[in-house]
Amino acid sequence: MQATTTRGVLVQPQSMALKAALVIGGSLLLWLSAKVQVPFWPVPMTLQTLAILGLAAALGSRLGTAAVLLYIAEGAAGLPVFAGTPERGIGLAYMMGPTGGYILGFVLAAFAVGWLAERGWARHALKLFIAALIGLALIYAPGLLWLAQFTGWEKVLTFGFWPFIGGDLLKAAIVALGVPAAWKLWKGRQQA
């Protein structure tokens, strides 16, 4: 069994204080990303999946997942951190609504993408794009299963997949290009 490594991630903090700051900063980035709406067809998109995939690729499985879990805990506590809050409710009531499965998927995606990043996938655009696609699948799978309780199976793709997949593929591509570019920049600074 291979030991967990952080050599493949962009940020490798040694102190607990820096790790805590990165987790808190990551949760705040997720909060902000949920509130930003970018005009897109057929529906406006938020930047949550971009932030989740990017954080996981940069921080790895432990810190990336910890940032997502802190974000979810903030939402469960009633803070309006999620997209559409407080207008569509807050806290556990919001989390038990139609988007609850996607929120669970955020945790799964952060862990999986971070785990792959720790093994060097974040250094290569194609590998990171594949990791991001795996992350998206892990967001959509529980999201669609949960949403089907509200829409029925016949409408779940219409309401929970097709309007969002184009934007999410674009966000996966941005992460796949951006994080390896940051790696090259960081490597160049260390050698200078």
C-alpha atoms as a PDB file:
ATOM      1  CA  MET A   1       0.000   0.000   0.000  1.00  0.00           C
ATOM      2  CA  GLN A   2       1.405   3.362  -1.054  1.00  0.00           C
ATOM      3  CA  ALA A   3       1.850   5.979   1.654  1.00  0.00           C
ATOM      4  CA  THR A   4       0.128   9.315   1.225  1.00  0.00           C
ATOM      5  CA  THR A   5       2.405  11.863  -0.359  1.00  0.00           C
ATOM      6  CA  THR A   6       2.095  15.579  -0.911  1.00  0.00           C
ATOM      7  CA  ARG A   7       4.960  15.870  -3.400  1.00  0.00           C
ATOM      8  CA  GLY A   8       2.487  16.134  -6.258  1.00  0.00           C
ATOM      9  CA  VAL A   9       0.488  19.055  -4.873  1.00  0.00           C
ATOM     10  CA  LEU A  10       1.285  22.688  -5.481  1.00  0.00           C
ATOM     11  CA  VAL A  11       1.019  23.837  -1.851  1.00  0.00           C
ATOM     12  CA  GLN A  12       2.900  21.811   0.777  1.00  0.00           C
ATOM     13  CA  PRO A  13       2.595  23.609   4.122  1.00  0.00           C
ATOM     14  CA  GLN A  14       4.602  22.274   7.048  1.00  0.00           C
ATOM     15  CA  SER A  15       3.116  24.171   9.999  1.00  0.00           C
ATOM     16  CA  MET A  16      -0.300  23.481  11.478  1.00  0.00           C
ATOM     17  CA  ALA A  17      -1.038  27.215  11.466  1.00  0.00           C
ATOM     18  CA  LEU A  18      -0.469  27.451   7.719  1.00  0.00           C
ATOM     19  CA  LYS A  19      -2.521  24.310   7.112  1.00  0.00           C
ATOM     20  CA  ALA A  20      -5.384  25.783   9.165  1.00  0.00           C
ATOM     21  CA  ALA A  21      -5.115  29.078   7.278  1.00  0.00           C
ATOM     22  CA  LEU A  22      -5.299  27.247   3.938  1.00  0.00           C
ATOM     23  CA  VAL A  23      -8.373  25.274   5.025  1.00  0.00           C
ATOM     24  CA  ILE A  24     -10.136  28.405   6.285  1.00  0.00           C
ATOM     25  CA  GLY A  25      -9.101  30.339   3.188  1.00  0.00           C
ATOM     26  CA  GLY A  26     -10.333  27.465   1.012  1.00  0.00           C
ATOM     27  CA  SER A  27     -13.735  27.462   2.705  1.00  0.00           C
ATOM     28  CA  LEU A  28     -13.974  31.227   2.191  1.00  0.00           C
ATOM     29  CA  LEU A  29     -13.055  30.796  -1.472  1.00  0.00           C
ATOM     30  CA  LEU A  30     -15.838  28.214  -1.800  1.00  0.00           C
ATOM     31  CA  TRP A  31     -18.272  30.624  -0.146  1.00  0.00           C
ATOM     32  CA  LEU A  32     -17.320  33.364  -2.596  1.00  0.00           C
ATOM     33  CA  SER A  33     -17.409  30.987  -5.567  1.00  0.00           C
ATOM     34  CA  ALA A  34     -20.982  29.991  -4.709  1.00  0.00           C
ATOM     35  CA  LYS A  35     -22.095  33.621  -4.796  1.00  0.00           C
ATOM     36  CA  VAL A  36     -20.469  34.544  -8.132  1.00  0.00           C
ATOM     37  CA  GLN A  37     -22.797  34.026 -11.082  1.00  0.00           C
ATOM     38  CA  VAL A  38     -21.331  34.027 -14.572  1.00  0.00           C
ATOM     39  CA  PRO A  39     -23.704  34.443 -17.531  1.00  0.00           C
ATOM     40  CA  PHE A  40     -23.781  31.143 -19.386  1.00  0.00           C
ATOM     41  CA  TRP A  41     -26.206  29.198 -21.539  1.00  0.00           C
ATOM     42  CA  PRO A  42     -28.677  27.720 -20.697  1.00  0.00           C
ATOM     43  CA  VAL A  43     -28.393  28.851 -17.058  1.00  0.00           C
ATOM     44  CA  PRO A  44     -25.974  31.158 -15.213  1.00  0.00           C
ATOM     45  CA  MET A  45     -23.182  29.217 -13.548  1.00  0.00           C
ATOM     46  CA  THR A  46     -21.484  29.578 -10.209  1.00  0.00           C
ATOM     47  CA  LEU A  47     -17.807  28.886  -9.726  1.00  0.00           C
ATOM     48  CA  GLN A  48     -18.121  26.241  -6.987  1.00  0.00           C
ATOM     49  CA  THR A  49     -16.927  23.302  -9.056  1.00  0.00           C
ATOM     50  CA  LEU A  50     -14.009  25.372 -10.359  1.00  0.00           C
ATOM     51  CA  ALA A  51     -13.015  26.209  -6.784  1.00  0.00           C
ATOM     52  CA  ILE A  52     -13.429  22.626  -5.524  1.00  0.00           C
ATOM     53  CA  LEU A  53     -11.419  21.087  -8.355  1.00  0.00           C
ATOM     54  CA  GLY A  54      -8.749  23.794  -8.127  1.00  0.00           C
ATOM     55  CA  LEU A  55      -8.415  23.596  -4.346  1.00  0.00           C
ATOM     56  CA  ALA A  56      -8.124  19.820  -4.440  1.00  0.00           C
ATOM     57  CA  ALA A  57      -5.502  19.928  -7.198  1.00  0.00           C
ATOM     58  CA  ALA A  58      -3.469  22.581  -5.365  1.00  0.00           C
ATOM     59  CA  LEU A  59      -3.864  21.393  -1.754  1.00  0.00           C
ATOM     60  CA  GLY A  60      -4.250  17.611  -2.053  1.00  0.00           C
ATOM     61  CA  SER A  61      -6.793  15.225  -0.589  1.00  0.00           C
ATOM     62  CA  ARG A  62      -6.486  16.093   3.093  1.00  0.00           C
ATOM     63  CA  LEU A  63      -6.445  19.896   2.998  1.00  0.00           C
ATOM     64  CA  GLY A  64      -8.754  20.133  -0.026  1.00  0.00           C
ATOM     65  CA  THR A  65     -11.331  17.856   1.597  1.00  0.00           C
ATOM     66  CA  ALA A  66     -10.943  19.669   4.925  1.00  0.00           C
ATOM     67  CA  ALA A  67     -11.724  22.989   3.203  1.00  0.00           C
ATOM     68  CA  VAL A  68     -14.864  21.487   1.633  1.00  0.00           C
ATOM     69  CA  LEU A  69     -15.955  19.942   4.944  1.00  0.00           C
ATOM     70  CA  LEU A  70     -15.475  23.266   6.735  1.00  0.00           C
ATOM     71  CA  TYR A  71     -17.532  24.982   4.016  1.00  0.00           C
ATOM     72  CA  ILE A  72     -20.315  22.415   4.470  1.00  0.00           C
ATOM     73  CA  ALA A  73     -20.158  22.796   8.265  1.00  0.00           C
ATOM     74  CA  GLU A  74     -20.514  26.565   7.854  1.00  0.00           C
ATOM     75  CA  GLY A  75     -23.583  25.976   5.711  1.00  0.00           C
ATOM     76  CA  ALA A  76     -25.048  23.431   8.136  1.00  0.00           C
ATOM     77  CA  ALA A  77     -24.591  25.965  10.941  1.00  0.00           C
ATOM     78  CA  GLY A  78     -26.853  28.369   9.064  1.00  0.00           C
ATOM     79  CA  LEU A  79     -24.357  30.661   7.374  1.00  0.00           C
ATOM     80  CA  PRO A  80     -25.537  31.609   3.849  1.00  0.00           C
ATOM     81  CA  VAL A  81     -22.545  30.018   2.098  1.00  0.00           C
ATOM     82  CA  PHE A  82     -24.316  28.007  -0.593  1.00  0.00           C
ATOM     83  CA  ALA A  83     -25.536  29.208  -3.975  1.00  0.00           C
ATOM     84  CA  GLY A  84     -29.023  30.649  -3.668  1.00  0.00           C
ATOM     85  CA  THR A  85     -28.849  31.228   0.084  1.00  0.00           C
ATOM     86  CA  PRO A  86     -30.441  32.782   2.009  1.00  0.00           C
ATOM     87  CA  GLU A  87     -33.186  33.186  -0.633  1.00  0.00           C
ATOM     88  CA  ARG A  88     -33.793  29.413  -0.909  1.00  0.00           C
ATOM     89  CA  GLY A  89     -33.259  28.641   2.767  1.00  0.00           C
ATOM     90  CA  ILE A  90     -30.219  28.020   4.923  1.00  0.00           C
ATOM     91  CA  GLY A  91     -28.681  25.365   7.126  1.00  0.00           C
ATOM     92  CA  LEU A  92     -29.715  21.752   7.181  1.00  0.00           C
ATOM     93  CA  ALA A  93     -33.050  22.549   5.531  1.00  0.00           C
ATOM     94  CA  TYR A  94     -31.199  23.807   2.446  1.00  0.00           C
ATOM     95  CA  MET A  95     -28.837  20.827   2.510  1.00  0.00           C
ATOM     96  CA  MET A  96     -31.741  18.381   2.582  1.00  0.00           C
ATOM     97  CA  GLY A  97     -33.257  20.086  -0.470  1.00  0.00           C
ATOM     98  CA  PRO A  98     -32.666  19.296  -4.143  1.00  0.00           C
ATOM     99  CA  THR A  99     -28.953  20.188  -4.106  1.00  0.00           C
ATOM    100  CA  GLY A 100     -28.004  18.065  -1.087  1.00  0.00           C
ATOM    101  CA  GLY A 101     -26.536  15.249  -3.163  1.00  0.00           C
ATOM    102  CA  TYR A 102     -24.256  17.628  -5.027  1.00  0.00           C
ATOM    103  CA  ILE A 103     -22.969  18.959  -1.713  1.00  0.00           C
ATOM    104  CA  LEU A 104     -22.019  15.401  -0.720  1.00  0.00           C
ATOM    105  CA  GLY A 105     -20.388  15.037  -4.121  1.00  0.00           C
ATOM    106  CA  PHE A 106     -18.190  18.056  -3.393  1.00  0.00           C
ATOM    107  CA  VAL A 107     -16.492  16.048  -0.626  1.00  0.00           C
ATOM    108  CA  LEU A 108     -16.003  12.989  -2.824  1.00  0.00           C
ATOM    109  CA  ALA A 109     -14.599  15.088  -5.678  1.00  0.00           C
ATOM    110  CA  ALA A 110     -12.212  17.016  -3.436  1.00  0.00           C
ATOM    111  CA  PHE A 111     -10.801  13.804  -2.012  1.00  0.00           C
ATOM    112  CA  ALA A 112     -10.447  12.032  -5.376  1.00  0.00           C
ATOM    113  CA  VAL A 113      -8.911  14.956  -7.267  1.00  0.00           C
ATOM    114  CA  GLY A 114      -6.619  15.719  -4.338  1.00  0.00           C
ATOM    115  CA  TRP A 115      -5.555  12.084  -4.101  1.00  0.00           C
ATOM    116  CA  LEU A 116      -4.685  12.045  -7.807  1.00  0.00           C
ATOM    117  CA  ALA A 117      -2.876  15.384  -7.465  1.00  0.00           C
ATOM    118  CA  GLU A 118      -0.729  13.899  -4.703  1.00  0.00           C
ATOM    119  CA  ARG A 119       0.373  11.292  -7.234  1.00  0.00           C
ATOM    120  CA  GLY A 120       1.515  13.890  -9.764  1.00  0.00           C
ATOM    121  CA  TRP A 121      -1.627  14.306 -11.868  1.00  0.00           C
ATOM    122  CA  ALA A 122      -1.795  18.053 -11.156  1.00  0.00           C
ATOM    123  CA  ARG A 123       1.438  18.630 -13.047  1.00  0.00           C
ATOM    124  CA  HIS A 124       0.065  17.516 -16.416  1.00  0.00           C
ATOM    125  CA  ALA A 125      -2.897  19.150 -18.151  1.00  0.00           C
ATOM    126  CA  LEU A 126      -4.337  15.969 -19.690  1.00  0.00           C
ATOM    127  CA  LYS A 127      -4.034  13.936 -16.493  1.00  0.00           C
ATOM    128  CA  LEU A 128      -5.530  16.761 -14.453  1.00  0.00           C
ATOM    129  CA  PHE A 129      -8.404  17.111 -16.922  1.00  0.00           C
ATOM    130  CA  ILE A 130      -9.121  13.385 -16.485  1.00  0.00           C
ATOM    131  CA  ALA A 131      -8.918  13.822 -12.695  1.00  0.00           C
ATOM    132  CA  ALA A 132     -11.334  16.762 -12.960  1.00  0.00           C
ATOM    133  CA  LEU A 133     -13.737  14.620 -15.022  1.00  0.00           C
ATOM    134  CA  ILE A 134     -13.585  11.965 -12.302  1.00  0.00           C
ATOM    135  CA  GLY A 135     -14.311  14.701  -9.762  1.00  0.00           C
ATOM    136  CA  LEU A 136     -17.294  15.912 -11.790  1.00  0.00           C
ATOM    137  CA  ALA A 137     -18.635  12.358 -12.004  1.00  0.00           C
ATOM    138  CA  LEU A 138     -18.343  12.103  -8.226  1.00  0.00           C
ATOM    139  CA  ILE A 139     -20.305  15.340  -7.861  1.00  0.00           C
ATOM    140  CA  TYR A 140     -23.006  14.415 -10.358  1.00  0.00           C
ATOM    141  CA  ALA A 141     -23.575  10.808  -9.233  1.00  0.00           C
ATOM    142  CA  PRO A 142     -24.903  11.532  -5.714  1.00  0.00           C
ATOM    143  CA  GLY A 143     -26.335  14.839  -6.932  1.00  0.00           C
ATOM    144  CA  LEU A 144     -28.539  13.220  -9.558  1.00  0.00           C
ATOM    145  CA  LEU A 145     -29.516  10.320  -7.308  1.00  0.00           C
ATOM    146  CA  TRP A 146     -30.661  12.774  -4.631  1.00  0.00           C
ATOM    147  CA  LEU A 147     -32.309  15.192  -7.072  1.00  0.00           C
ATOM    148  CA  ALA A 148     -34.397  12.378  -8.577  1.00  0.00           C
ATOM    149  CA  GLN A 149     -36.380  12.294  -5.327  1.00  0.00           C
ATOM    150  CA  PHE A 150     -37.597  15.807  -6.158  1.00  0.00           C
ATOM    151  CA  THR A 151     -37.919  15.683  -9.944  1.00  0.00           C
ATOM    152  CA  GLY A 152     -38.549  12.029 -10.714  1.00  0.00           C
ATOM    153  CA  TRP A 153     -36.192   9.907 -12.805  1.00  0.00           C
ATOM    154  CA  GLU A 154     -37.703  11.084 -16.082  1.00  0.00           C
ATOM    155  CA  LYS A 155     -36.677  14.718 -15.462  1.00  0.00           C
ATOM    156  CA  VAL A 156     -33.491  14.396 -13.434  1.00  0.00           C
ATOM    157  CA  LEU A 157     -31.100  14.897 -16.371  1.00  0.00           C
ATOM    158  CA  THR A 158     -33.168  17.793 -17.690  1.00  0.00           C
ATOM    159  CA  PHE A 159     -32.978  19.682 -14.399  1.00  0.00           C
ATOM    160  CA  GLY A 160     -29.742  18.417 -12.834  1.00  0.00           C
ATOM    161  CA  PHE A 161     -27.287  17.589 -15.613  1.00  0.00           C
ATOM    162  CA  TRP A 162     -27.815  19.098 -19.062  1.00  0.00           C
ATOM    163  CA  PRO A 163     -28.057  22.748 -17.962  1.00  0.00           C
ATOM    164  CA  PHE A 164     -24.784  22.516 -16.013  1.00  0.00           C
ATOM    165  CA  ILE A 165     -22.449  20.057 -17.753  1.00  0.00           C
ATOM    166  CA  GLY A 166     -21.178  22.521 -20.377  1.00  0.00           C
ATOM    167  CA  GLY A 167     -20.090  25.010 -17.742  1.00  0.00           C
ATOM    168  CA  ASP A 168     -18.578  22.293 -15.589  1.00  0.00           C
ATOM    169  CA  LEU A 169     -16.544  20.928 -18.498  1.00  0.00           C
ATOM    170  CA  LEU A 170     -15.266  24.447 -19.134  1.00  0.00           C
ATOM    171  CA  LYS A 171     -14.310  24.796 -15.461  1.00  0.00           C
ATOM    172  CA  ALA A 172     -12.528  21.406 -15.564  1.00  0.00           C
ATOM    173  CA  ALA A 173     -10.538  22.611 -18.574  1.00  0.00           C
ATOM    174  CA  ILE A 174      -9.606  25.858 -16.789  1.00  0.00           C
ATOM    175  CA  VAL A 175      -8.309  23.885 -13.793  1.00  0.00           C
ATOM    176  CA  ALA A 176      -6.491  21.436 -16.087  1.00  0.00           C
ATOM    177  CA  LEU A 177      -4.675  24.285 -17.804  1.00  0.00           C
ATOM    178  CA  GLY A 178      -4.262  26.612 -14.816  1.00  0.00           C
ATOM    179  CA  VAL A 179      -2.791  24.343 -12.154  1.00  0.00           C
ATOM    180  CA  PRO A 180      -0.023  22.839 -14.343  1.00  0.00           C
ATOM    181  CA  ALA A 181       0.839  26.391 -15.482  1.00  0.00           C
ATOM    182  CA  ALA A 182       1.122  27.394 -11.815  1.00  0.00           C
ATOM    183  CA  TRP A 183       3.398  24.365 -11.297  1.00  0.00           C
ATOM    184  CA  LYS A 184       5.720  25.542 -14.086  1.00  0.00           C
ATOM    185  CA  LEU A 185       5.756  29.074 -12.710  1.00  0.00           C
ATOM    186  CA  TRP A 186       6.471  27.820  -9.188  1.00  0.00           C
ATOM    187  CA  LYS A 187       9.206  25.480 -10.402  1.00  0.00           C
ATOM    188  CA  GLY A 188      10.788  28.322 -12.382  1.00  0.00           C
ATOM    189  CA  ARG A 189      10.798  30.604  -9.306  1.00  0.00           C
ATOM    190  CA  GLN A 190      12.439  27.937  -7.154  1.00  0.00           C
ATOM    191  CA  GLN A 191      15.208  27.381  -9.708  1.00  0.00           C
ATOM    192  CA  ALA A 192      15.894  31.110 -10.140  1.00  0.00           C
END
